[in-house]
Amino acid sequence: MKTASILGVHFHAVTMQQAVDVAMSRIRARQKGYVVTPNPEIVDLCRHDEKFMGVVNHATLVLPDGIGI
C-alpha cells in the first residue's frame, strides 16, 4: 500500500472503501492485525518514543484521525 509519512509516522494512503476492503479481507482470512488512528498528539509522542513509533508503524492500517492530520 502507498503511504504518506508525517514526522516519521507512515499513514496508509487509502480511501475509506479500500480500508474496509483490507480489514474485511484479513478478517475473512482469519489473519491477525490492528488498526491505529493517530492524531497530532500521537504523532508527537511517536517523535519522542522510538518503540511507540514502531508499534504505530507496524499496524495493518495506519489511518489519520480527523483533520489535524
PDB file of N, CA and C in Angstrom:
ATOM      1  N   MET A   1       0.834  -1.185   0.000  1.00  0.00           N
ATOM      2  CA  MET A   1       0.000   0.000   0.000  1.00  0.00           C
ATOM      3  C   MET A   1       0.874   1.242   0.000  1.00  0.00           C
ATOM      4  N   LYS A   2       0.394   2.244  -0.634  1.00  0.00           N
ATOM      5  CA  LYS A   2       1.074   3.528  -0.673  1.00  0.00           C
ATOM      6  C   LYS A   2       0.944   4.209   0.693  1.00  0.00           C
ATOM      7  N   THR A   3       1.998   4.896   1.110  1.00  0.00           N
ATOM      8  CA  THR A   3       1.944   5.601   2.391  1.00  0.00           C
ATOM      9  C   THR A   3       2.351   7.057   2.223  1.00  0.00           C
ATOM     10  N   ALA A   4       1.957   7.849   3.205  1.00  0.00           N
ATOM     11  CA  ALA A   4       2.382   9.240   3.305  1.00  0.00           C
ATOM     12  C   ALA A   4       2.980   9.395   4.700  1.00  0.00           C
ATOM     13  N   SER A   5       4.216   9.855   4.770  1.00  0.00           N
ATOM     14  CA  SER A   5       4.899   9.976   6.052  1.00  0.00           C
ATOM     15  C   SER A   5       4.735  11.379   6.620  1.00  0.00           C
ATOM     16  N   ILE A   6       4.296  11.434   7.873  1.00  0.00           N
ATOM     17  CA  ILE A   6       4.184  12.704   8.588  1.00  0.00           C
ATOM     18  C   ILE A   6       5.015  12.565   9.860  1.00  0.00           C
ATOM     19  N   LEU A   7       6.157  13.257   9.887  1.00  0.00           N
ATOM     20  CA  LEU A   7       7.073  13.223  11.027  1.00  0.00           C
ATOM     21  C   LEU A   7       7.437  11.797  11.433  1.00  0.00           C
ATOM     22  N   GLY A   8       7.588  10.940  10.427  1.00  0.00           N
ATOM     23  CA  GLY A   8       8.022   9.570  10.672  1.00  0.00           C
ATOM     24  C   GLY A   8       6.908   8.556  10.835  1.00  0.00           C
ATOM     25  N   VAL A   9       5.681   9.006  10.961  1.00  0.00           N
ATOM     26  CA  VAL A   9       4.542   8.089  11.051  1.00  0.00           C
ATOM     27  C   VAL A   9       4.034   7.850   9.634  1.00  0.00           C
ATOM     28  N   HIS A  10       3.950   6.582   9.248  1.00  0.00           N
ATOM     29  CA  HIS A  10       3.606   6.209   7.875  1.00  0.00           C
ATOM     30  C   HIS A  10       2.114   5.891   7.759  1.00  0.00           C
ATOM     31  N   PHE A  11       1.348   6.880   7.320  1.00  0.00           N
ATOM     32  CA  PHE A  11      -0.093   6.719   7.136  1.00  0.00           C
ATOM     33  C   PHE A  11      -0.353   6.033   5.808  1.00  0.00           C
ATOM     34  N   HIS A  12      -1.287   5.082   5.801  1.00  0.00           N
ATOM     35  CA  HIS A  12      -1.660   4.421   4.557  1.00  0.00           C
ATOM     36  C   HIS A  12      -2.555   5.361   3.746  1.00  0.00           C
ATOM     37  N   ALA A  13      -2.196   5.556   2.504  1.00  0.00           N
ATOM     38  CA  ALA A  13      -2.933   6.450   1.607  1.00  0.00           C
ATOM     39  C   ALA A  13      -4.015   5.643   0.897  1.00  0.00           C
ATOM     40  N   VAL A  14      -5.122   5.425   1.612  1.00  0.00           N
ATOM     41  CA  VAL A  14      -6.219   4.616   1.070  1.00  0.00           C
ATOM     42  C   VAL A  14      -7.532   5.365   1.250  1.00  0.00           C
ATOM     43  N   THR A  15      -8.493   4.987   0.441  1.00  0.00           N
ATOM     44  CA  THR A  15      -9.842   5.518   0.601  1.00  0.00           C
ATOM     45  C   THR A  15     -10.534   4.741   1.721  1.00  0.00           C
ATOM     46  N   MET A  16     -11.680   5.242   2.146  1.00  0.00           N
ATOM     47  CA  MET A  16     -12.466   4.541   3.158  1.00  0.00           C
ATOM     48  C   MET A  16     -12.802   3.131   2.674  1.00  0.00           C
ATOM     49  N   GLN A  17     -13.210   3.012   1.415  1.00  0.00           N
ATOM     50  CA  GLN A  17     -13.573   1.700   0.880  1.00  0.00           C
ATOM     51  C   GLN A  17     -12.376   0.760   0.841  1.00  0.00           C
ATOM     52  N   GLN A  18     -11.207   1.271   0.473  1.00  0.00           N
ATOM     53  CA  GLN A  18     -10.006   0.430   0.457  1.00  0.00           C
ATOM     54  C   GLN A  18      -9.653  -0.043   1.868  1.00  0.00           C
ATOM     55  N   ALA A  19      -9.801   0.824   2.844  1.00  0.00           N
ATOM     56  CA  ALA A  19      -9.522   0.437   4.231  1.00  0.00           C
ATOM     57  C   ALA A  19     -10.474  -0.668   4.676  1.00  0.00           C
ATOM     58  N   VAL A  20     -11.748  -0.519   4.340  1.00  0.00           N
ATOM     59  CA  VAL A  20     -12.734  -1.556   4.677  1.00  0.00           C
ATOM     60  C   VAL A  20     -12.383  -2.858   3.977  1.00  0.00           C
ATOM     61  N   ASP A  21     -12.009  -2.776   2.709  1.00  0.00           N
ATOM     62  CA  ASP A  21     -11.651  -3.979   1.949  1.00  0.00           C
ATOM     63  C   ASP A  21     -10.457  -4.697   2.575  1.00  0.00           C
ATOM     64  N   VAL A  22      -9.436  -3.948   2.982  1.00  0.00           N
ATOM     65  CA  VAL A  22      -8.259  -4.550   3.622  1.00  0.00           C
ATOM     66  C   VAL A  22      -8.678  -5.233   4.919  1.00  0.00           C
ATOM     67  N   ALA A  23      -9.443  -4.540   5.737  1.00  0.00           N
ATOM     68  CA  ALA A  23      -9.871  -5.108   7.016  1.00  0.00           C
ATOM     69  C   ALA A  23     -10.717  -6.364   6.804  1.00  0.00           C
ATOM     70  N   MET A  24     -11.677  -6.309   5.913  1.00  0.00           N
ATOM     71  CA  MET A  24     -12.543  -7.466   5.672  1.00  0.00           C
ATOM     72  C   MET A  24     -11.772  -8.642   5.091  1.00  0.00           C
ATOM     73  N   SER A  25     -10.830  -8.361   4.236  1.00  0.00           N
ATOM     74  CA  SER A  25     -10.007  -9.423   3.659  1.00  0.00           C
ATOM     75  C   SER A  25      -9.229 -10.159   4.752  1.00  0.00           C
ATOM     76  N   ARG A  26      -8.664  -9.402   5.675  1.00  0.00           N
ATOM     77  CA  ARG A  26      -7.901 -10.018   6.767  1.00  0.00           C
ATOM     78  C   ARG A  26      -8.812 -10.775   7.726  1.00  0.00           C
ATOM     79  N   ILE A  27      -9.991 -10.235   7.967  1.00  0.00           N
ATOM     80  CA  ILE A  27     -10.953 -10.932   8.833  1.00  0.00           C
ATOM     81  C   ILE A  27     -11.356 -12.258   8.214  1.00  0.00           C
ATOM     82  N   ARG A  28     -11.692 -12.224   6.935  1.00  0.00           N
ATOM     83  CA  ARG A  28     -12.094 -13.464   6.239  1.00  0.00           C
ATOM     84  C   ARG A  28     -10.979 -14.499   6.236  1.00  0.00           C
ATOM     85  N   ALA A  29      -9.738 -14.024   6.115  1.00  0.00           N
ATOM     86  CA  ALA A  29      -8.581 -14.938   6.087  1.00  0.00           C
ATOM     87  C   ALA A  29      -8.132 -15.319   7.500  1.00  0.00           C
ATOM     88  N   ARG A  30      -8.833 -14.794   8.505  1.00  0.00           N
ATOM     89  CA  ARG A  30      -8.501 -15.057   9.910  1.00  0.00           C
ATOM     90  C   ARG A  30      -7.061 -14.658  10.239  1.00  0.00           C
ATOM     91  N   GLN A  31      -6.627 -13.553   9.638  1.00  0.00           N
ATOM     92  CA  GLN A  31      -5.299 -13.018   9.897  1.00  0.00           C
ATOM     93  C   GLN A  31      -5.378 -11.959  10.990  1.00  0.00           C
ATOM     94  N   LYS A  32      -4.428 -12.022  11.887  1.00  0.00           N
ATOM     95  CA  LYS A  32      -4.386 -11.031  12.954  1.00  0.00           C
ATOM     96  C   LYS A  32      -3.808  -9.726  12.437  1.00  0.00           C
ATOM     97  N   GLY A  33      -4.144  -8.654  13.125  1.00  0.00           N
ATOM     98  CA  GLY A  33      -3.624  -7.349  12.780  1.00  0.00           C
ATOM     99  C   GLY A  33      -4.294  -6.308  13.654  1.00  0.00           C
ATOM    100  N   TYR A  34      -3.890  -5.076  13.486  1.00  0.00           N
ATOM    101  CA  TYR A  34      -4.509  -3.996  14.243  1.00  0.00           C
ATOM    102  C   TYR A  34      -4.475  -2.710  13.430  1.00  0.00           C
ATOM    103  N   VAL A  35      -5.406  -1.829  13.761  1.00  0.00           N
ATOM    104  CA  VAL A  35      -5.555  -0.550  13.088  1.00  0.00           C
ATOM    105  C   VAL A  35      -5.269   0.546  14.113  1.00  0.00           C
ATOM    106  N   VAL A  36      -4.507   1.538  13.713  1.00  0.00           N
ATOM    107  CA  VAL A  36      -4.278   2.697  14.569  1.00  0.00           C
ATOM    108  C   VAL A  36      -4.751   3.944  13.831  1.00  0.00           C
ATOM    109  N   THR A  37      -5.245   4.902  14.618  1.00  0.00           N
ATOM    110  CA  THR A  37      -5.734   6.159  14.049  1.00  0.00           C
ATOM    111  C   THR A  37      -5.051   7.311  14.779  1.00  0.00           C
ATOM    112  N   PRO A  38      -3.790   7.563  14.453  1.00  0.00           N
ATOM    113  CA  PRO A  38      -3.050   8.605  15.164  1.00  0.00           C
ATOM    114  C   PRO A  38      -3.614  10.000  14.938  1.00  0.00           C
ATOM    115  N   ASN A  39      -3.647  10.759  16.029  1.00  0.00           N
ATOM    116  CA  ASN A  39      -3.985  12.172  15.962  1.00  0.00           C
ATOM    117  C   ASN A  39      -2.681  12.956  16.140  1.00  0.00           C
ATOM    118  N   PRO A  40      -2.696  14.266  16.091  1.00  0.00           N
ATOM    119  CA  PRO A  40      -1.440  15.024  16.212  1.00  0.00           C
ATOM    120  C   PRO A  40      -0.664  14.723  17.500  1.00  0.00           C
ATOM    121  N   GLU A  41      -1.375  14.484  18.599  1.00  0.00           N
ATOM    122  CA  GLU A  41      -0.687  14.174  19.859  1.00  0.00           C
ATOM    123  C   GLU A  41       0.048  12.840  19.790  1.00  0.00           C
ATOM    124  N   ILE A  42      -0.570  11.862  19.131  1.00  0.00           N
ATOM    125  CA  ILE A  42       0.079  10.551  18.982  1.00  0.00           C
ATOM    126  C   ILE A  42       1.312  10.676  18.086  1.00  0.00           C
ATOM    127  N   VAL A  43       1.212  11.444  17.008  1.00  0.00           N
ATOM    128  CA  VAL A  43       2.367  11.664  16.130  1.00  0.00           C
ATOM    129  C   VAL A  43       3.502  12.301  16.932  1.00  0.00           C
ATOM    130  N   ASP A  44       3.171  13.266  17.781  1.00  0.00           N
ATOM    131  CA  ASP A  44       4.183  13.907  18.613  1.00  0.00           C
ATOM    132  C   ASP A  44       4.804  12.911  19.584  1.00  0.00           C
ATOM    133  N   LEU A  45       3.993  12.057  20.193  1.00  0.00           N
ATOM    134  CA  LEU A  45       4.533  11.024  21.090  1.00  0.00           C
ATOM    135  C   LEU A  45       5.494  10.094  20.334  1.00  0.00           C
ATOM    136  N   CYS A  46       5.122   9.753  19.113  1.00  0.00           N
ATOM    137  CA  CYS A  46       5.979   8.880  18.296  1.00  0.00           C
ATOM    138  C   CYS A  46       7.348   9.516  18.064  1.00  0.00           C
ATOM    139  N   ARG A  47       7.370  10.818  17.895  1.00  0.00           N
ATOM    140  CA  ARG A  47       8.639  11.523  17.656  1.00  0.00           C
ATOM    141  C   ARG A  47       9.597  11.362  18.828  1.00  0.00           C
ATOM    142  N   HIS A  48       9.051  11.172  20.027  1.00  0.00           N
ATOM    143  CA  HIS A  48       9.873  11.105  21.228  1.00  0.00           C
ATOM    144  C   HIS A  48      10.037   9.688  21.781  1.00  0.00           C
ATOM    145  N   ASP A  49       9.367   8.723  21.179  1.00  0.00           N
ATOM    146  CA  ASP A  49       9.423   7.342  21.677  1.00  0.00           C
ATOM    147  C   ASP A  49       9.542   6.386  20.495  1.00  0.00           C
ATOM    148  N   GLU A  50      10.756   5.947  20.243  1.00  0.00           N
ATOM    149  CA  GLU A  50      11.040   5.094  19.079  1.00  0.00           C
ATOM    150  C   GLU A  50      10.259   3.784  19.125  1.00  0.00           C
ATOM    151  N   LYS A  51      10.112   3.212  20.312  1.00  0.00           N
ATOM    152  CA  LYS A  51       9.385   1.951  20.456  1.00  0.00           C
ATOM    153  C   LYS A  51       7.899   2.145  20.080  1.00  0.00           C
ATOM    154  N   PHE A  52       7.331   3.233  20.561  1.00  0.00           N
ATOM    155  CA  PHE A  52       5.935   3.546  20.253  1.00  0.00           C
ATOM    156  C   PHE A  52       5.766   3.780  18.754  1.00  0.00           C
ATOM    157  N   MET A  53       6.717   4.474  18.146  1.00  0.00           N
ATOM    158  CA  MET A  53       6.702   4.699  16.699  1.00  0.00           C
ATOM    159  C   MET A  53       6.674   3.361  15.966  1.00  0.00           C
ATOM    160  N   GLY A  54       7.453   2.402  16.442  1.00  0.00           N
ATOM    161  CA  GLY A  54       7.469   1.080  15.820  1.00  0.00           C
ATOM    162  C   GLY A  54       6.120   0.388  15.899  1.00  0.00           C
ATOM    163  N   VAL A  55       5.468   0.499  17.059  1.00  0.00           N
ATOM    164  CA  VAL A  55       4.147  -0.110  17.227  1.00  0.00           C
ATOM    165  C   VAL A  55       3.151   0.513  16.251  1.00  0.00           C
ATOM    166  N   VAL A  56       3.167   1.821  16.158  1.00  0.00           N
ATOM    167  CA  VAL A  56       2.244   2.519  15.255  1.00  0.00           C
ATOM    168  C   VAL A  56       2.539   2.148  13.800  1.00  0.00           C
ATOM    169  N   ASN A  57       3.799   2.203  13.408  1.00  0.00           N
ATOM    170  CA  ASN A  57       4.150   1.965  12.004  1.00  0.00           C
ATOM    171  C   ASN A  57       4.023   0.506  11.578  1.00  0.00           C
ATOM    172  N   HIS A  58       3.894  -0.422  12.527  1.00  0.00           N
ATOM    173  CA  HIS A  58       3.728  -1.832  12.154  1.00  0.00           C
ATOM    174  C   HIS A  58       2.265  -2.275  12.138  1.00  0.00           C
ATOM    175  N   ALA A  59       1.349  -1.333  12.301  1.00  0.00           N
ATOM    176  CA  ALA A  59      -0.072  -1.671  12.250  1.00  0.00           C
ATOM    177  C   ALA A  59      -0.470  -2.104  10.836  1.00  0.00           C
ATOM    178  N   THR A  60      -1.495  -2.902  10.770  1.00  0.00           N
ATOM    179  CA  THR A  60      -2.021  -3.326   9.474  1.00  0.00           C
ATOM    180  C   THR A  60      -2.490  -2.117   8.680  1.00  0.00           C
ATOM    181  N   LEU A  61      -3.158  -1.204   9.381  1.00  0.00           N
ATOM    182  CA  LEU A  61      -3.606   0.048   8.768  1.00  0.00           C
ATOM    183  C   LEU A  61      -3.308   1.196   9.721  1.00  0.00           C
ATOM    184  N   VAL A  62      -2.715   2.241   9.182  1.00  0.00           N
ATOM    185  CA  VAL A  62      -2.490   3.489   9.926  1.00  0.00           C
ATOM    186  C   VAL A  62      -3.305   4.549   9.203  1.00  0.00           C
ATOM    187  N   LEU A  63      -4.370   4.992   9.859  1.00  0.00           N
ATOM    188  CA  LEU A  63      -5.316   5.908   9.229  1.00  0.00           C
ATOM    189  C   LEU A  63      -5.401   7.191  10.046  1.00  0.00           C
ATOM    190  N   PRO A  64      -5.452   8.349   9.403  1.00  0.00           N
ATOM    191  CA  PRO A  64      -5.500   9.613  10.141  1.00  0.00           C
ATOM    192  C   PRO A  64      -6.783   9.739  10.959  1.00  0.00           C
ATOM    193  N   ASP A  65      -6.642  10.349  12.123  1.00  0.00           N
ATOM    194  CA  ASP A  65      -7.786  10.601  12.993  1.00  0.00           C
ATOM    195  C   ASP A  65      -8.169  12.072  12.879  1.00  0.00           C
ATOM    196  N   GLY A  66      -9.065  12.375  11.963  1.00  0.00           N
ATOM    197  CA  GLY A  66      -9.567  13.729  11.840  1.00  0.00           C
ATOM    198  C   GLY A  66      -8.738  14.629  10.940  1.00  0.00           C
ATOM    199  N   ILE A  67      -9.091  15.903  10.946  1.00  0.00           N
ATOM    200  CA  ILE A  67      -8.480  16.849  10.028  1.00  0.00           C
ATOM    201  C   ILE A  67      -7.134  17.388  10.485  1.00  0.00           C
ATOM    202  N   GLY A  68      -6.769  17.138  11.750  1.00  0.00           N
ATOM    203  CA  GLY A  68      -5.475  17.607  12.238  1.00  0.00           C
ATOM    204  C   GLY A  68      -4.306  16.937  11.532  1.00  0.00           C
ATOM    205  N   ILE A  69      -4.555  15.818  10.933  1.00  0.00           N
ATOM    206  CA  ILE A  69      -3.538  15.087  10.195  1.00  0.00           C
ATOM    207  C   ILE A  69      -3.878  15.192   8.737  1.00  0.00           C
TER     208      ILE A  69
END
